[in-house]
Amino acid sequence: MEAKDLRGKSAEELNEELLALRREQFNLRMQKATGELAQNHEHRRVRKDIARVKTVLNELGRAAGESK
């Protein structure tokens, strides 16, 4: 997932994406705790994707605040 792809989405779509990523992060954390996680790099990828989504949401919020 790249930030330029996220910038084309609305705030509602980004919030849905963020919720899905948080659920995936939780599931990966549970898999790690039970010893089922085979691909350790997935947790890092999800964390970075969450940060990207939150960054774009923040940019949208700032742009909305400036236009008022």
PDB file of N, CA and C in Angstrom:
ATOM      1  N   MET A   1       0.845  -1.169   0.000  1.00  0.00           N
ATOM      2  CA  MET A   1       0.000   0.000   0.000  1.00  0.00           C
ATOM      3  C   MET A   1       0.893   1.235   0.000  1.00  0.00           C
ATOM      4  N   GLU A   2       0.556   2.165  -0.889  1.00  0.00           N
ATOM      5  CA  GLU A   2       1.333   3.388  -0.987  1.00  0.00           C
ATOM      6  C   GLU A   2       0.461   4.584  -0.629  1.00  0.00           C
ATOM      7  N   ALA A   3       1.086   5.631  -0.151  1.00  0.00           N
ATOM      8  CA  ALA A   3       0.356   6.818   0.276  1.00  0.00           C
ATOM      9  C   ALA A   3      -0.381   7.464  -0.893  1.00  0.00           C
ATOM     10  N   LYS A   4       0.197   7.421  -2.099  1.00  0.00           N
ATOM     11  CA  LYS A   4      -0.483   8.049  -3.236  1.00  0.00           C
ATOM     12  C   LYS A   4      -1.786   7.329  -3.568  1.00  0.00           C
ATOM     13  N   ASP A   5      -1.851   6.021  -3.304  1.00  0.00           N
ATOM     14  CA  ASP A   5      -3.103   5.290  -3.502  1.00  0.00           C
ATOM     15  C   ASP A   5      -4.135   5.697  -2.462  1.00  0.00           C
ATOM     16  N   LEU A   6      -3.675   5.960  -1.254  1.00  0.00           N
ATOM     17  CA  LEU A   6      -4.577   6.321  -0.168  1.00  0.00           C
ATOM     18  C   LEU A   6      -5.132   7.736  -0.339  1.00  0.00           C
ATOM     19  N   ARG A   7      -4.370   8.603  -0.955  1.00  0.00           N
ATOM     20  CA  ARG A   7      -4.812   9.993  -1.105  1.00  0.00           C
ATOM     21  C   ARG A   7      -6.023  10.111  -2.017  1.00  0.00           C
ATOM     22  N   GLY A   8      -6.279   9.107  -2.838  1.00  0.00           N
ATOM     23  CA  GLY A   8      -7.443   9.117  -3.723  1.00  0.00           C
ATOM     24  C   GLY A   8      -8.720   8.670  -3.037  1.00  0.00           C
ATOM     25  N   LYS A   9      -8.632   8.245  -1.796  1.00  0.00           N
ATOM     26  CA  LYS A   9      -9.801   7.747  -1.074  1.00  0.00           C
ATOM     27  C   LYS A   9     -10.396   8.835  -0.194  1.00  0.00           C
ATOM     28  N   SER A  10     -11.674   8.659   0.140  1.00  0.00           N
ATOM     29  CA  SER A  10     -12.340   9.606   1.029  1.00  0.00           C
ATOM     30  C   SER A  10     -11.982   9.289   2.477  1.00  0.00           C
ATOM     31  N   ALA A  11     -12.350  10.195   3.373  1.00  0.00           N
ATOM     32  CA  ALA A  11     -12.054  10.008   4.794  1.00  0.00           C
ATOM     33  C   ALA A  11     -12.790   8.785   5.340  1.00  0.00           C
ATOM     34  N   GLU A  12     -14.008   8.552   4.864  1.00  0.00           N
ATOM     35  CA  GLU A  12     -14.775   7.389   5.321  1.00  0.00           C
ATOM     36  C   GLU A  12     -14.106   6.084   4.892  1.00  0.00           C
ATOM     37  N   GLU A  13     -13.631   6.050   3.648  1.00  0.00           N
ATOM     38  CA  GLU A  13     -12.928   4.855   3.161  1.00  0.00           C
ATOM     39  C   GLU A  13     -11.632   4.633   3.937  1.00  0.00           C
ATOM     40  N   LEU A  14     -10.948   5.712   4.264  1.00  0.00           N
ATOM     41  CA  LEU A  14      -9.705   5.594   5.025  1.00  0.00           C
ATOM     42  C   LEU A  14      -9.970   5.080   6.438  1.00  0.00           C
ATOM     43  N   ASN A  15     -11.065   5.529   7.041  1.00  0.00           N
ATOM     44  CA  ASN A  15     -11.407   5.035   8.375  1.00  0.00           C
ATOM     45  C   ASN A  15     -11.739   3.544   8.338  1.00  0.00           C
ATOM     46  N   GLU A  16     -12.418   3.093   7.286  1.00  0.00           N
ATOM     47  CA  GLU A  16     -12.709   1.669   7.131  1.00  0.00           C
ATOM     48  C   GLU A  16     -11.421   0.876   6.949  1.00  0.00           C
ATOM     49  N   GLU A  17     -10.497   1.422   6.164  1.00  0.00           N
ATOM     50  CA  GLU A  17      -9.199   0.773   5.945  1.00  0.00           C
ATOM     51  C   GLU A  17      -8.420   0.686   7.256  1.00  0.00           C
ATOM     52  N   LEU A  18      -8.469   1.753   8.044  1.00  0.00           N
ATOM     53  CA  LEU A  18      -7.780   1.777   9.325  1.00  0.00           C
ATOM     54  C   LEU A  18      -8.352   0.723  10.267  1.00  0.00           C
ATOM     55  N   LEU A  19      -9.664   0.597  10.297  1.00  0.00           N
ATOM     56  CA  LEU A  19     -10.305  -0.405  11.141  1.00  0.00           C
ATOM     57  C   LEU A  19      -9.891  -1.818  10.718  1.00  0.00           C
ATOM     58  N   ALA A  20      -9.857  -2.066   9.414  1.00  0.00           N
ATOM     59  CA  ALA A  20      -9.449  -3.383   8.922  1.00  0.00           C
ATOM     60  C   ALA A  20      -7.998  -3.686   9.286  1.00  0.00           C
ATOM     61  N   LEU A  21      -7.145  -2.679   9.184  1.00  0.00           N
ATOM     62  CA  LEU A  21      -5.734  -2.869   9.528  1.00  0.00           C
ATOM     63  C   LEU A  21      -5.549  -3.114  11.020  1.00  0.00           C
ATOM     64  N   ARG A  22      -6.333  -2.425  11.848  1.00  0.00           N
ATOM     65  CA  ARG A  22      -6.248  -2.653  13.299  1.00  0.00           C
ATOM     66  C   ARG A  22      -6.683  -4.077  13.649  1.00  0.00           C
ATOM     67  N   ARG A  23      -7.713  -4.568  12.970  1.00  0.00           N
ATOM     68  CA  ARG A  23      -8.154  -5.946  13.203  1.00  0.00           C
ATOM     69  C   ARG A  23      -7.071  -6.939  12.783  1.00  0.00           C
ATOM     70  N   GLU A  24      -6.465  -6.659  11.629  1.00  0.00           N
ATOM     71  CA  GLU A  24      -5.381  -7.528  11.162  1.00  0.00           C
ATOM     72  C   GLU A  24      -4.207  -7.502  12.133  1.00  0.00           C
ATOM     73  N   GLN A  25      -3.896  -6.330  12.668  1.00  0.00           N
ATOM     74  CA  GLN A  25      -2.812  -6.204  13.639  1.00  0.00           C
ATOM     75  C   GLN A  25      -3.122  -7.025  14.892  1.00  0.00           C
ATOM     76  N   PHE A  26      -4.365  -6.953  15.358  1.00  0.00           N
ATOM     77  CA  PHE A  26      -4.764  -7.724  16.527  1.00  0.00           C
ATOM     78  C   PHE A  26      -4.627  -9.218  16.260  1.00  0.00           C
ATOM     79  N   ASN A  27      -5.106  -9.665  15.093  1.00  0.00           N
ATOM     80  CA  ASN A  27      -5.011 -11.085  14.761  1.00  0.00           C
ATOM     81  C   ASN A  27      -3.563 -11.553  14.675  1.00  0.00           C
ATOM     82  N   LEU A  28      -2.697 -10.729  14.112  1.00  0.00           N
ATOM     83  CA  LEU A  28      -1.283 -11.088  14.034  1.00  0.00           C
ATOM     84  C   LEU A  28      -0.653 -11.152  15.422  1.00  0.00           C
ATOM     85  N   ARG A  29      -1.069 -10.234  16.284  1.00  0.00           N
ATOM     86  CA  ARG A  29      -0.547 -10.234  17.649  1.00  0.00           C
ATOM     87  C   ARG A  29      -0.972 -11.498  18.391  1.00  0.00           C
ATOM     88  N   MET A  30      -2.197 -11.938  18.166  1.00  0.00           N
ATOM     89  CA  MET A  30      -2.684 -13.166  18.804  1.00  0.00           C
ATOM     90  C   MET A  30      -1.965 -14.396  18.245  1.00  0.00           C
ATOM     91  N   GLN A  31      -1.715 -14.391  16.940  1.00  0.00           N
ATOM     92  CA  GLN A  31      -0.981 -15.498  16.332  1.00  0.00           C
ATOM     93  C   GLN A  31       0.434 -15.576  16.884  1.00  0.00           C
ATOM     94  N   LYS A  32       1.043 -14.425  17.081  1.00  0.00           N
ATOM     95  CA  LYS A  32       2.403 -14.400  17.627  1.00  0.00           C
ATOM     96  C   LYS A  32       2.411 -14.938  19.055  1.00  0.00           C
ATOM     97  N   ALA A  33       1.409 -14.565  19.831  1.00  0.00           N
ATOM     98  CA  ALA A  33       1.353 -14.996  21.223  1.00  0.00           C
ATOM     99  C   ALA A  33       1.136 -16.501  21.345  1.00  0.00           C
ATOM    100  N   THR A  34       0.398 -17.082  20.400  1.00  0.00           N
ATOM    101  CA  THR A  34       0.129 -18.524  20.458  1.00  0.00           C
ATOM    102  C   THR A  34       1.159 -19.339  19.687  1.00  0.00           C
ATOM    103  N   GLY A  35       2.107 -18.656  19.043  1.00  0.00           N
ATOM    104  CA  GLY A  35       3.153 -19.361  18.318  1.00  0.00           C
ATOM    105  C   GLY A  35       2.761 -19.796  16.928  1.00  0.00           C
ATOM    106  N   GLU A  36       1.667 -19.270  16.400  1.00  0.00           N
ATOM    107  CA  GLU A  36       1.183 -19.658  15.075  1.00  0.00           C
ATOM    108  C   GLU A  36       1.695 -18.766  13.952  1.00  0.00           C
ATOM    109  N   LEU A  37       2.302 -17.646  14.285  1.00  0.00           N
ATOM    110  CA  LEU A  37       2.729 -16.678  13.275  1.00  0.00           C
ATOM    111  C   LEU A  37       3.955 -17.202  12.539  1.00  0.00           C
ATOM    112  N   ALA A  38       3.789 -17.460  11.243  1.00  0.00           N
ATOM    113  CA  ALA A  38       4.878 -17.999  10.450  1.00  0.00           C
ATOM    114  C   ALA A  38       5.663 -16.887   9.752  1.00  0.00           C
ATOM    115  N   GLN A  39       4.992 -15.783   9.436  1.00  0.00           N
ATOM    116  CA  GLN A  39       5.640 -14.699   8.701  1.00  0.00           C
ATOM    117  C   GLN A  39       5.755 -13.479   9.613  1.00  0.00           C
ATOM    118  N   ASN A  40       6.901 -13.339  10.242  1.00  0.00           N
ATOM    119  CA  ASN A  40       7.110 -12.279  11.220  1.00  0.00           C
ATOM    120  C   ASN A  40       7.081 -10.882  10.609  1.00  0.00           C
ATOM    121  N   HIS A  41       7.384 -10.776   9.331  1.00  0.00           N
ATOM    122  CA  HIS A  41       7.439  -9.465   8.694  1.00  0.00           C
ATOM    123  C   HIS A  41       6.055  -8.846   8.505  1.00  0.00           C
ATOM    124  N   GLU A  42       5.006  -9.617   8.578  1.00  0.00           N
ATOM    125  CA  GLU A  42       3.653  -9.105   8.376  1.00  0.00           C
ATOM    126  C   GLU A  42       3.275  -8.074   9.435  1.00  0.00           C
ATOM    127  N   HIS A  43       3.707  -8.270  10.658  1.00  0.00           N
ATOM    128  CA  HIS A  43       3.369  -7.339  11.732  1.00  0.00           C
ATOM    129  C   HIS A  43       3.949  -5.961  11.453  1.00  0.00           C
ATOM    130  N   ARG A  44       5.166  -5.919  10.973  1.00  0.00           N
ATOM    131  CA  ARG A  44       5.803  -4.641  10.648  1.00  0.00           C
ATOM    132  C   ARG A  44       5.089  -3.955   9.486  1.00  0.00           C
ATOM    133  N   ARG A  45       4.690  -4.738   8.472  1.00  0.00           N
ATOM    134  CA  ARG A  45       3.991  -4.185   7.314  1.00  0.00           C
ATOM    135  C   ARG A  45       2.674  -3.536   7.741  1.00  0.00           C
ATOM    136  N   VAL A  46       1.936  -4.208   8.616  1.00  0.00           N
ATOM    137  CA  VAL A  46       0.644  -3.683   9.065  1.00  0.00           C
ATOM    138  C   VAL A  46       0.841  -2.399   9.870  1.00  0.00           C
ATOM    139  N   ARG A  47       1.855  -2.379  10.732  1.00  0.00           N
ATOM    140  CA  ARG A  47       2.123  -1.165  11.506  1.00  0.00           C
ATOM    141  C   ARG A  47       2.414   0.018  10.597  1.00  0.00           C
ATOM    142  N   LYS A  48       3.205  -0.200   9.564  1.00  0.00           N
ATOM    143  CA  LYS A  48       3.549   0.875   8.641  1.00  0.00           C
ATOM    144  C   LYS A  48       2.334   1.318   7.818  1.00  0.00           C
ATOM    145  N   ASP A  49       1.486   0.365   7.433  1.00  0.00           N
ATOM    146  CA  ASP A  49       0.271   0.711   6.704  1.00  0.00           C
ATOM    147  C   ASP A  49      -0.668   1.543   7.576  1.00  0.00           C
ATOM    148  N   ILE A  50      -0.769   1.203   8.856  1.00  0.00           N
ATOM    149  CA  ILE A  50      -1.591   1.993   9.780  1.00  0.00           C
ATOM    150  C   ILE A  50      -1.050   3.419   9.853  1.00  0.00           C
ATOM    151  N   ALA A  51       0.246   3.563   9.935  1.00  0.00           N
ATOM    152  CA  ALA A  51       0.858   4.893  10.000  1.00  0.00           C
ATOM    153  C   ALA A  51       0.578   5.681   8.720  1.00  0.00           C
ATOM    154  N   ARG A  52       0.621   5.015   7.574  1.00  0.00           N
ATOM    155  CA  ARG A  52       0.335   5.696   6.308  1.00  0.00           C
ATOM    156  C   ARG A  52      -1.106   6.204   6.272  1.00  0.00           C
ATOM    157  N   VAL A  53      -2.034   5.357   6.677  1.00  0.00           N
ATOM    158  CA  VAL A  53      -3.444   5.743   6.665  1.00  0.00           C
ATOM    159  C   VAL A  53      -3.682   6.917   7.616  1.00  0.00           C
ATOM    160  N   LYS A  54      -3.088   6.857   8.797  1.00  0.00           N
ATOM    161  CA  LYS A  54      -3.267   7.940   9.764  1.00  0.00           C
ATOM    162  C   LYS A  54      -2.647   9.237   9.263  1.00  0.00           C
ATOM    163  N   THR A  55      -1.540   9.152   8.547  1.00  0.00           N
ATOM    164  CA  THR A  55      -0.900  10.340   7.986  1.00  0.00           C
ATOM    165  C   THR A  55      -1.801  10.994   6.950  1.00  0.00           C
ATOM    166  N   VAL A  56      -2.385  10.198   6.069  1.00  0.00           N
ATOM    167  CA  VAL A  56      -3.260  10.751   5.034  1.00  0.00           C
ATOM    168  C   VAL A  56      -4.521  11.332   5.668  1.00  0.00           C
ATOM    169  N   LEU A  57      -5.069  10.672   6.688  1.00  0.00           N
ATOM    170  CA  LEU A  57      -6.235  11.223   7.394  1.00  0.00           C
ATOM    171  C   LEU A  57      -5.902  12.571   8.023  1.00  0.00           C
ATOM    172  N   ASN A  58      -4.715  12.675   8.598  1.00  0.00           N
ATOM    173  CA  ASN A  58      -4.277  13.935   9.192  1.00  0.00           C
ATOM    174  C   ASN A  58      -4.138  15.022   8.121  1.00  0.00           C
ATOM    175  N   GLU A  59      -3.605  14.660   6.955  1.00  0.00           N
ATOM    176  CA  GLU A  59      -3.485  15.622   5.862  1.00  0.00           C
ATOM    177  C   GLU A  59      -4.861  16.117   5.412  1.00  0.00           C
ATOM    178  N   LEU A  60      -5.822  15.187   5.332  1.00  0.00           N
ATOM    179  CA  LEU A  60      -7.173  15.575   4.935  1.00  0.00           C
ATOM    180  C   LEU A  60      -7.799  16.504   5.973  1.00  0.00           C
ATOM    181  N   GLY A  61      -7.572  16.212   7.228  1.00  0.00           N
ATOM    182  CA  GLY A  61      -8.098  17.049   8.292  1.00  0.00           C
ATOM    183  C   GLY A  61      -7.512  18.446   8.274  1.00  0.00           C
ATOM    184  N   ARG A  62      -6.237  18.527   8.032  1.00  0.00           N
ATOM    185  CA  ARG A  62      -5.585  19.844   7.970  1.00  0.00           C
ATOM    186  C   ARG A  62      -6.082  20.634   6.757  1.00  0.00           C
ATOM    187  N   ALA A  63      -6.255  19.943   5.622  1.00  0.00           N
ATOM    188  CA  ALA A  63      -6.721  20.625   4.418  1.00  0.00           C
ATOM    189  C   ALA A  63      -8.145  21.144   4.618  1.00  0.00           C
ATOM    190  N   ALA A  64      -8.980  20.379   5.323  1.00  0.00           N
ATOM    191  CA  ALA A  64     -10.349  20.814   5.597  1.00  0.00           C
ATOM    192  C   ALA A  64     -10.346  22.010   6.549  1.00  0.00           C
ATOM    193  N   GLY A  65      -9.424  22.020   7.489  1.00  0.00           N
ATOM    194  CA  GLY A  65      -9.328  23.118   8.443  1.00  0.00           C
ATOM    195  C   GLY A  65      -8.844  24.403   7.794  1.00  0.00           C
ATOM    196  N   GLU A  66      -7.969  24.298   6.830  1.00  0.00           N
ATOM    197  CA  GLU A  66      -7.432  25.470   6.151  1.00  0.00           C
ATOM    198  C   GLU A  66      -8.448  26.087   5.210  1.00  0.00           C
ATOM    199  N   SER A  67      -9.339  25.276   4.647  1.00  0.00           N
ATOM    200  CA  SER A  67     -10.290  25.782   3.672  1.00  0.00           C
ATOM    201  C   SER A  67     -11.457  26.525   4.313  1.00  0.00           C
ATOM    202  N   LYS A  68     -11.585  26.442   5.622  1.00  0.00           N
ATOM    203  CA  LYS A  68     -12.707  27.121   6.304  1.00  0.00           C
ATOM    204  C   LYS A  68     -12.478  28.597   6.414  1.00  0.00           C
TER     205      LYS A  68
END
